[in-house]
């Protein structure tokens, strides 16, 4: 399953970061959210395999995600 992991200060209260001013607010807006993915592959009686990686949901299409999984588990797609 996929889980979203974020820094608590990015969840924020809407107030600008201390000592950062307008530049820090602009930099924070430019940061992209990352989705951390942990995948478990179960195959018959073999022990399960796990892979973890992170993707940017703004630029990662379903085709790209499928390609990442194929490479991660050496699958014949």
PDB file of N, CA and C in Angstrom:
ATOM      1  N   UNK A   1       0.828  -1.183   0.000  1.00  0.00           N
ATOM      2  CA  UNK A   1       0.000   0.000   0.000  1.00  0.00           C
ATOM      3  C   UNK A   1       0.867   1.240   0.000  1.00  0.00           C
ATOM      4  N   UNK A   2       0.317   2.333  -0.427  1.00  0.00           N
ATOM      5  CA  UNK A   2       1.046   3.594  -0.459  1.00  0.00           C
ATOM      6  C   UNK A   2       0.651   4.445   0.724  1.00  0.00           C
ATOM      7  N   UNK A   3       1.618   5.109   1.285  1.00  0.00           N
ATOM      8  CA  UNK A   3       1.332   6.026   2.370  1.00  0.00           C
ATOM      9  C   UNK A   3       1.984   7.354   2.076  1.00  0.00           C
ATOM     10  N   UNK A   4       1.335   8.396   2.515  1.00  0.00           N
ATOM     11  CA  UNK A   4       1.893   9.729   2.339  1.00  0.00           C
ATOM     12  C   UNK A   4       2.634  10.088   3.600  1.00  0.00           C
ATOM     13  N   UNK A   5       3.848  10.539   3.434  1.00  0.00           N
ATOM     14  CA  UNK A   5       4.654  10.922   4.572  1.00  0.00           C
ATOM     15  C   UNK A   5       5.073  12.364   4.393  1.00  0.00           C
ATOM     16  N   UNK A   6       4.801  13.174   5.378  1.00  0.00           N
ATOM     17  CA  UNK A   6       5.171  14.576   5.261  1.00  0.00           C
ATOM     18  C   UNK A   6       5.779  15.083   6.543  1.00  0.00           C
ATOM     19  N   UNK A   7       6.519  16.145   6.411  1.00  0.00           N
ATOM     20  CA  UNK A   7       7.119  16.787   7.570  1.00  0.00           C
ATOM     21  C   UNK A   7       6.059  17.596   8.297  1.00  0.00           C
ATOM     22  N   UNK A   8       6.006  17.545   9.631  1.00  0.00           N
ATOM     23  CA  UNK A   8       4.971  18.267  10.352  1.00  0.00           C
ATOM     24  C   UNK A   8       5.011  19.762  10.103  1.00  0.00           C
ATOM     25  N   UNK A   9       6.190  20.318   9.830  1.00  0.00           N
ATOM     26  CA  UNK A   9       6.238  21.761   9.610  1.00  0.00           C
ATOM     27  C   UNK A   9       5.681  22.137   8.241  1.00  0.00           C
ATOM     28  N   UNK A  10       5.595  21.188   7.303  1.00  0.00           N
ATOM     29  CA  UNK A  10       4.984  21.487   6.016  1.00  0.00           C
ATOM     30  C   UNK A  10       3.470  21.455   6.098  1.00  0.00           C
ATOM     31  N   UNK A  11       2.944  20.708   7.040  1.00  0.00           N
ATOM     32  CA  UNK A  11       1.498  20.667   7.220  1.00  0.00           C
ATOM     33  C   UNK A  11       1.029  22.016   7.722  1.00  0.00           C
ATOM     34  N   UNK A  12       1.834  22.642   8.517  1.00  0.00           N
ATOM     35  CA  UNK A  12       1.764  24.010   8.992  1.00  0.00           C
ATOM     36  C   UNK A  12       0.430  24.609   9.327  1.00  0.00           C
ATOM     37  N   UNK A  13       0.536  25.750   9.945  1.00  0.00           N
ATOM     38  CA  UNK A  13      -0.636  26.499  10.371  1.00  0.00           C
ATOM     39  C   UNK A  13      -0.962  27.603   9.396  1.00  0.00           C
ATOM     40  N   UNK A  14      -0.204  27.721   8.317  1.00  0.00           N
ATOM     41  CA  UNK A  14      -0.412  28.791   7.372  1.00  0.00           C
ATOM     42  C   UNK A  14       0.467  29.994   7.666  1.00  0.00           C
ATOM     43  N   UNK A  15       1.112  30.008   8.802  1.00  0.00           N
ATOM     44  CA  UNK A  15       1.996  31.117   9.163  1.00  0.00           C
ATOM     45  C   UNK A  15       3.351  30.904   8.511  1.00  0.00           C
ATOM     46  N   UNK A  16       4.038  31.972   8.109  1.00  0.00           N
ATOM     47  CA  UNK A  16       5.357  31.797   7.500  1.00  0.00           C
ATOM     48  C   UNK A  16       6.352  31.244   8.502  1.00  0.00           C
ATOM     49  N   UNK A  17       7.350  30.515   8.027  1.00  0.00           N
ATOM     50  CA  UNK A  17       8.346  29.947   8.925  1.00  0.00           C
ATOM     51  C   UNK A  17       9.133  31.058   9.617  1.00  0.00           C
ATOM     52  N   UNK A  18       9.586  30.805  10.826  1.00  0.00           N
ATOM     53  CA  UNK A  18      10.311  31.843  11.560  1.00  0.00           C
ATOM     54  C   UNK A  18      11.618  32.204  10.879  1.00  0.00           C
ATOM     55  N   UNK A  19      11.860  33.515  10.761  1.00  0.00           N
ATOM     56  CA  UNK A  19      13.115  34.011  10.226  1.00  0.00           C
ATOM     57  C   UNK A  19      13.297  33.821   8.737  1.00  0.00           C
ATOM     58  N   UNK A  20      12.318  33.255   8.037  1.00  0.00           N
ATOM     59  CA  UNK A  20      12.489  32.979   6.619  1.00  0.00           C
ATOM     60  C   UNK A  20      11.923  34.037   5.714  1.00  0.00           C
ATOM     61  N   UNK A  21      10.892  34.719   6.145  1.00  0.00           N
ATOM     62  CA  UNK A  21      10.293  35.770   5.350  1.00  0.00           C
ATOM     63  C   UNK A  21       9.664  35.258   4.074  1.00  0.00           C
ATOM     64  N   UNK A  22       9.557  36.137   3.083  1.00  0.00           N
ATOM     65  CA  UNK A  22       8.877  35.826   1.828  1.00  0.00           C
ATOM     66  C   UNK A  22       9.610  34.761   1.032  1.00  0.00           C
ATOM     67  N   UNK A  23      10.955  34.738   1.078  1.00  0.00           N
ATOM     68  CA  UNK A  23      11.698  33.731   0.324  1.00  0.00           C
ATOM     69  C   UNK A  23      11.396  32.319   0.818  1.00  0.00           C
ATOM     70  N   UNK A  24      11.298  32.144   2.121  1.00  0.00           N
ATOM     71  CA  UNK A  24      11.015  30.822   2.680  1.00  0.00           C
ATOM     72  C   UNK A  24       9.616  30.378   2.300  1.00  0.00           C
ATOM     73  N   UNK A  25       8.647  31.292   2.289  1.00  0.00           N
ATOM     74  CA  UNK A  25       7.278  30.944   1.911  1.00  0.00           C
ATOM     75  C   UNK A  25       7.242  30.518   0.452  1.00  0.00           C
ATOM     76  N   UNK A  26       7.947  31.249  -0.429  1.00  0.00           N
ATOM     77  CA  UNK A  26       7.990  30.900  -1.843  1.00  0.00           C
ATOM     78  C   UNK A  26       8.653  29.541  -2.040  1.00  0.00           C
ATOM     79  N   UNK A  27       9.723  29.257  -1.308  1.00  0.00           N
ATOM     80  CA  UNK A  27      10.404  27.968  -1.425  1.00  0.00           C
ATOM     81  C   UNK A  27       9.506  26.837  -0.952  1.00  0.00           C
ATOM     82  N   UNK A  28       8.743  27.082   0.109  1.00  0.00           N
ATOM     83  CA  UNK A  28       7.841  26.056   0.626  1.00  0.00           C
ATOM     84  C   UNK A  28       6.754  25.732  -0.382  1.00  0.00           C
ATOM     85  N   UNK A  29       6.242  26.737  -1.080  1.00  0.00           N
ATOM     86  CA  UNK A  29       5.192  26.515  -2.077  1.00  0.00           C
ATOM     87  C   UNK A  29       5.718  25.719  -3.260  1.00  0.00           C
ATOM     88  N   UNK A  30       7.024  25.850  -3.574  1.00  0.00           N
ATOM     89  CA  UNK A  30       7.610  25.142  -4.690  1.00  0.00           C
ATOM     90  C   UNK A  30       7.912  23.686  -4.373  1.00  0.00           C
ATOM     91  N   UNK A  31       8.017  23.328  -3.092  1.00  0.00           N
ATOM     92  CA  UNK A  31       8.295  21.942  -2.720  1.00  0.00           C
ATOM     93  C   UNK A  31       7.116  21.069  -3.121  1.00  0.00           C
ATOM     94  N   UNK A  32       7.421  19.893  -3.614  1.00  0.00           N
ATOM     95  CA  UNK A  32       6.374  18.982  -4.049  1.00  0.00           C
ATOM     96  C   UNK A  32       6.149  17.907  -3.006  1.00  0.00           C
ATOM     97  N   UNK A  33       4.934  17.446  -2.968  1.00  0.00           N
ATOM     98  CA  UNK A  33       4.580  16.369  -2.059  1.00  0.00           C
ATOM     99  C   UNK A  33       5.120  15.061  -2.624  1.00  0.00           C
ATOM    100  N   UNK A  34       5.683  14.245  -1.779  1.00  0.00           N
ATOM    101  CA  UNK A  34       6.231  12.958  -2.184  1.00  0.00           C
ATOM    102  C   UNK A  34       5.394  11.863  -1.548  1.00  0.00           C
ATOM    103  N   UNK A  35       5.079  10.848  -2.344  1.00  0.00           N
ATOM    104  CA  UNK A  35       4.355   9.690  -1.838  1.00  0.00           C
ATOM    105  C   UNK A  35       5.356   8.561  -1.677  1.00  0.00           C
ATOM    106  N   UNK A  36       5.461   8.062  -0.469  1.00  0.00           N
ATOM    107  CA  UNK A  36       6.350   6.936  -0.196  1.00  0.00           C
ATOM    108  C   UNK A  36       5.546   5.650  -0.358  1.00  0.00           C
ATOM    109  N   UNK A  37       6.121   4.713  -1.106  1.00  0.00           N
ATOM    110  CA  UNK A  37       5.429   3.471  -1.459  1.00  0.00           C
ATOM    111  C   UNK A  37       6.226   2.295  -0.926  1.00  0.00           C
ATOM    112  N   UNK A  38       5.537   1.354  -0.312  1.00  0.00           N
ATOM    113  CA  UNK A  38       6.149   0.088   0.113  1.00  0.00           C
ATOM    114  C   UNK A  38       5.300  -1.012  -0.500  1.00  0.00           C
ATOM    115  N   UNK A  39       5.932  -1.870  -1.287  1.00  0.00           N
ATOM    116  CA  UNK A  39       5.225  -2.907  -2.040  1.00  0.00           C
ATOM    117  C   UNK A  39       5.662  -4.277  -1.555  1.00  0.00           C
ATOM    118  N   UNK A  40       4.695  -5.159  -1.408  1.00  0.00           N
ATOM    119  CA  UNK A  40       4.971  -6.535  -0.995  1.00  0.00           C
ATOM    120  C   UNK A  40       4.538  -7.462  -2.129  1.00  0.00           C
ATOM    121  N   UNK A  41       5.453  -8.307  -2.576  1.00  0.00           N
ATOM    122  CA  UNK A  41       5.160  -9.279  -3.628  1.00  0.00           C
ATOM    123  C   UNK A  41       5.082 -10.665  -3.005  1.00  0.00           C
ATOM    124  N   UNK A  42       3.934 -11.297  -3.146  1.00  0.00           N
ATOM    125  CA  UNK A  42       3.734 -12.657  -2.638  1.00  0.00           C
ATOM    126  C   UNK A  42       3.567 -13.586  -3.833  1.00  0.00           C
ATOM    127  N   UNK A  43       4.346 -14.653  -3.842  1.00  0.00           N
ATOM    128  CA  UNK A  43       4.286 -15.584  -4.956  1.00  0.00           C
ATOM    129  C   UNK A  43       4.327 -17.009  -4.427  1.00  0.00           C
ATOM    130  N   UNK A  44       3.237 -17.717  -4.558  1.00  0.00           N
ATOM    131  CA  UNK A  44       3.068 -19.102  -4.102  1.00  0.00           C
ATOM    132  C   UNK A  44       3.732 -19.343  -2.749  1.00  0.00           C
ATOM    133  N   UNK A  45       4.692 -20.265  -2.706  1.00  0.00           N
ATOM    134  CA  UNK A  45       5.303 -20.636  -1.427  1.00  0.00           C
ATOM    135  C   UNK A  45       6.632 -19.931  -1.170  1.00  0.00           C
ATOM    136  N   UNK A  46       6.999 -19.012  -2.038  1.00  0.00           N
ATOM    137  CA  UNK A  46       8.245 -18.266  -1.844  1.00  0.00           C
ATOM    138  C   UNK A  46       8.052 -17.216  -0.761  1.00  0.00           C
ATOM    139  N   UNK A  47       9.120 -16.859  -0.078  1.00  0.00           N
ATOM    140  CA  UNK A  47       8.987 -15.795   0.932  1.00  0.00           C
ATOM    141  C   UNK A  47       8.643 -14.468   0.251  1.00  0.00           C
ATOM    142  N   UNK A  48       7.877 -13.619   0.913  1.00  0.00           N
ATOM    143  CA  UNK A  48       7.494 -12.339   0.301  1.00  0.00           C
ATOM    144  C   UNK A  48       8.712 -11.434   0.082  1.00  0.00           C
ATOM    145  N   UNK A  49       8.623 -10.626  -0.968  1.00  0.00           N
ATOM    146  CA  UNK A  49       9.661  -9.646  -1.269  1.00  0.00           C
ATOM    147  C   UNK A  49       9.088  -8.258  -1.033  1.00  0.00           C
ATOM    148  N   UNK A  50       9.894  -7.357  -0.494  1.00  0.00           N
ATOM    149  CA  UNK A  50       9.471  -5.988  -0.237  1.00  0.00           C
ATOM    150  C   UNK A  50      10.364  -5.025  -1.000  1.00  0.00           C
ATOM    151  N   UNK A  51       9.773  -3.949  -1.502  1.00  0.00           N
ATOM    152  CA  UNK A  51      10.520  -2.862  -2.128  1.00  0.00           C
ATOM    153  C   UNK A  51       9.897  -1.551  -1.644  1.00  0.00           C
ATOM    154  N   UNK A  52      10.731  -0.558  -1.439  1.00  0.00           N
ATOM    155  CA  UNK A  52      10.271   0.764  -1.025  1.00  0.00           C
ATOM    156  C   UNK A  52      10.874   1.818  -1.949  1.00  0.00           C
ATOM    157  N   UNK A  53      10.069   2.804  -2.287  1.00  0.00           N
ATOM    158  CA  UNK A  53      10.545   3.906  -3.102  1.00  0.00           C
ATOM    159  C   UNK A  53       9.599   5.087  -2.924  1.00  0.00           C
ATOM    160  N   UNK A  54       9.971   6.218  -3.479  1.00  0.00           N
ATOM    161  CA  UNK A  54       9.142   7.419  -3.387  1.00  0.00           C
ATOM    162  C   UNK A  54       8.869   7.931  -4.788  1.00  0.00           C
ATOM    163  N   UNK A  55       7.671   8.466  -4.988  1.00  0.00           N
ATOM    164  CA  UNK A  55       7.298   9.039  -6.278  1.00  0.00           C
ATOM    165  C   UNK A  55       6.663  10.409  -6.063  1.00  0.00           C
ATOM    166  N   UNK A  56       6.750  11.233  -7.072  1.00  0.00           N
ATOM    167  CA  UNK A  56       6.089  12.531  -7.077  1.00  0.00           C
ATOM    168  C   UNK A  56       4.767  12.344  -7.823  1.00  0.00           C
ATOM    169  N   UNK A  57       3.631  12.452  -7.137  1.00  0.00           N
ATOM    170  CA  UNK A  57       2.343  12.190  -7.784  1.00  0.00           C
ATOM    171  C   UNK A  57       2.002  13.199  -8.879  1.00  0.00           C
ATOM    172  N   UNK A  58       2.661  14.345  -8.888  1.00  0.00           N
ATOM    173  CA  UNK A  58       2.393  15.351  -9.913  1.00  0.00           C
ATOM    174  C   UNK A  58       2.972  14.961 -11.267  1.00  0.00           C
ATOM    175  N   UNK A  59       4.008  14.131 -11.269  1.00  0.00           N
ATOM    176  CA  UNK A  59       4.668  13.779 -12.535  1.00  0.00           C
ATOM    177  C   UNK A  59       4.736  12.280 -12.797  1.00  0.00           C
ATOM    178  N   UNK A  60       4.266  11.458 -11.876  1.00  0.00           N
ATOM    179  CA  UNK A  60       4.334  10.009 -12.037  1.00  0.00           C
ATOM    180  C   UNK A  60       3.001   9.481 -12.549  1.00  0.00           C
ATOM    181  N   UNK A  61       3.012   9.001 -13.784  1.00  0.00           N
ATOM    182  CA  UNK A  61       1.799   8.431 -14.368  1.00  0.00           C
ATOM    183  C   UNK A  61       1.677   6.959 -13.970  1.00  0.00           C
ATOM    184  N   UNK A  62       0.545   6.382 -14.274  1.00  0.00           N
ATOM    185  CA  UNK A  62       0.344   4.962 -13.982  1.00  0.00           C
ATOM    186  C   UNK A  62       1.328   4.108 -14.777  1.00  0.00           C
ATOM    187  N   UNK A  63       1.607   4.492 -16.013  1.00  0.00           N
ATOM    188  CA  UNK A  63       2.573   3.750 -16.821  1.00  0.00           C
ATOM    189  C   UNK A  63       3.970   3.785 -16.209  1.00  0.00           C
ATOM    190  N   UNK A  64       4.373   4.949 -15.700  1.00  0.00           N
ATOM    191  CA  UNK A  64       5.683   5.077 -15.066  1.00  0.00           C
ATOM    192  C   UNK A  64       5.734   4.235 -13.793  1.00  0.00           C
ATOM    193  N   UNK A  65       4.670   4.272 -12.995  1.00  0.00           N
ATOM    194  CA  UNK A  65       4.608   3.466 -11.773  1.00  0.00           C
ATOM    195  C   UNK A  65       4.703   1.979 -12.102  1.00  0.00           C
ATOM    196  N   UNK A  66       4.012   1.554 -13.143  1.00  0.00           N
ATOM    197  CA  UNK A  66       4.077   0.153 -13.564  1.00  0.00           C
ATOM    198  C   UNK A  66       5.506  -0.210 -13.972  1.00  0.00           C
ATOM    199  N   UNK A  67       6.181   0.669 -14.682  1.00  0.00           N
ATOM    200  CA  UNK A  67       7.560   0.412 -15.103  1.00  0.00           C
ATOM    201  C   UNK A  67       8.492   0.311 -13.889  1.00  0.00           C
ATOM    202  N   UNK A  68       8.282   1.159 -12.894  1.00  0.00           N
ATOM    203  CA  UNK A  68       9.085   1.118 -11.665  1.00  0.00           C
ATOM    204  C   UNK A  68       8.907  -0.234 -10.974  1.00  0.00           C
ATOM    205  N   UNK A  69       7.667  -0.708 -10.885  1.00  0.00           N
ATOM    206  CA  UNK A  69       7.397  -1.997 -10.239  1.00  0.00           C
ATOM    207  C   UNK A  69       8.000  -3.157 -11.019  1.00  0.00           C
ATOM    208  N   UNK A  70       7.920  -3.105 -12.341  1.00  0.00           N
ATOM    209  CA  UNK A  70       8.507  -4.162 -13.172  1.00  0.00           C
ATOM    210  C   UNK A  70      10.014  -4.242 -12.941  1.00  0.00           C
ATOM    211  N   UNK A  71      10.668  -3.071 -12.899  1.00  0.00           N
ATOM    212  CA  UNK A  71      12.117  -3.062 -12.666  1.00  0.00           C
ATOM    213  C   UNK A  71      12.459  -3.469 -11.238  1.00  0.00           C
ATOM    214  N   UNK A  72      11.663  -3.042 -10.272  1.00  0.00           N
ATOM    215  CA  UNK A  72      11.973  -3.321  -8.866  1.00  0.00           C
ATOM    216  C   UNK A  72      11.933  -4.819  -8.567  1.00  0.00           C
ATOM    217  N   UNK A  73      11.018  -5.537  -9.204  1.00  0.00           N
ATOM    218  CA  UNK A  73      10.856  -6.967  -8.920  1.00  0.00           C
ATOM    219  C   UNK A  73      11.346  -7.857 -10.074  1.00  0.00           C
ATOM    220  N   UNK A  74      12.010  -7.284 -11.055  1.00  0.00           N
ATOM    221  CA  UNK A  74      12.483  -8.048 -12.219  1.00  0.00           C
ATOM    222  C   UNK A  74      11.374  -8.889 -12.834  1.00  0.00           C
ATOM    223  N   UNK A  75      10.233  -8.227 -13.096  1.00  0.00           N
ATOM    224  CA  UNK A  75       9.075  -8.906 -13.681  1.00  0.00           C
ATOM    225  C   UNK A  75       9.143  -8.874 -15.188  1.00  0.00           C
ATOM    226  N   UNK A  76       8.443  -9.790 -15.817  1.00  0.00           N
ATOM    227  CA  UNK A  76       8.291  -9.783 -17.270  1.00  0.00           C
ATOM    228  C   UNK A  76       6.946  -9.123 -17.560  1.00  0.00           C
ATOM    229  N   UNK A  77       6.972  -7.813 -17.843  1.00  0.00           N
ATOM    230  CA  UNK A  77       5.771  -7.001 -17.979  1.00  0.00           C
ATOM    231  C   UNK A  77       5.027  -7.209 -19.228  1.00  0.00           C
TER     232      UNK A  77
END
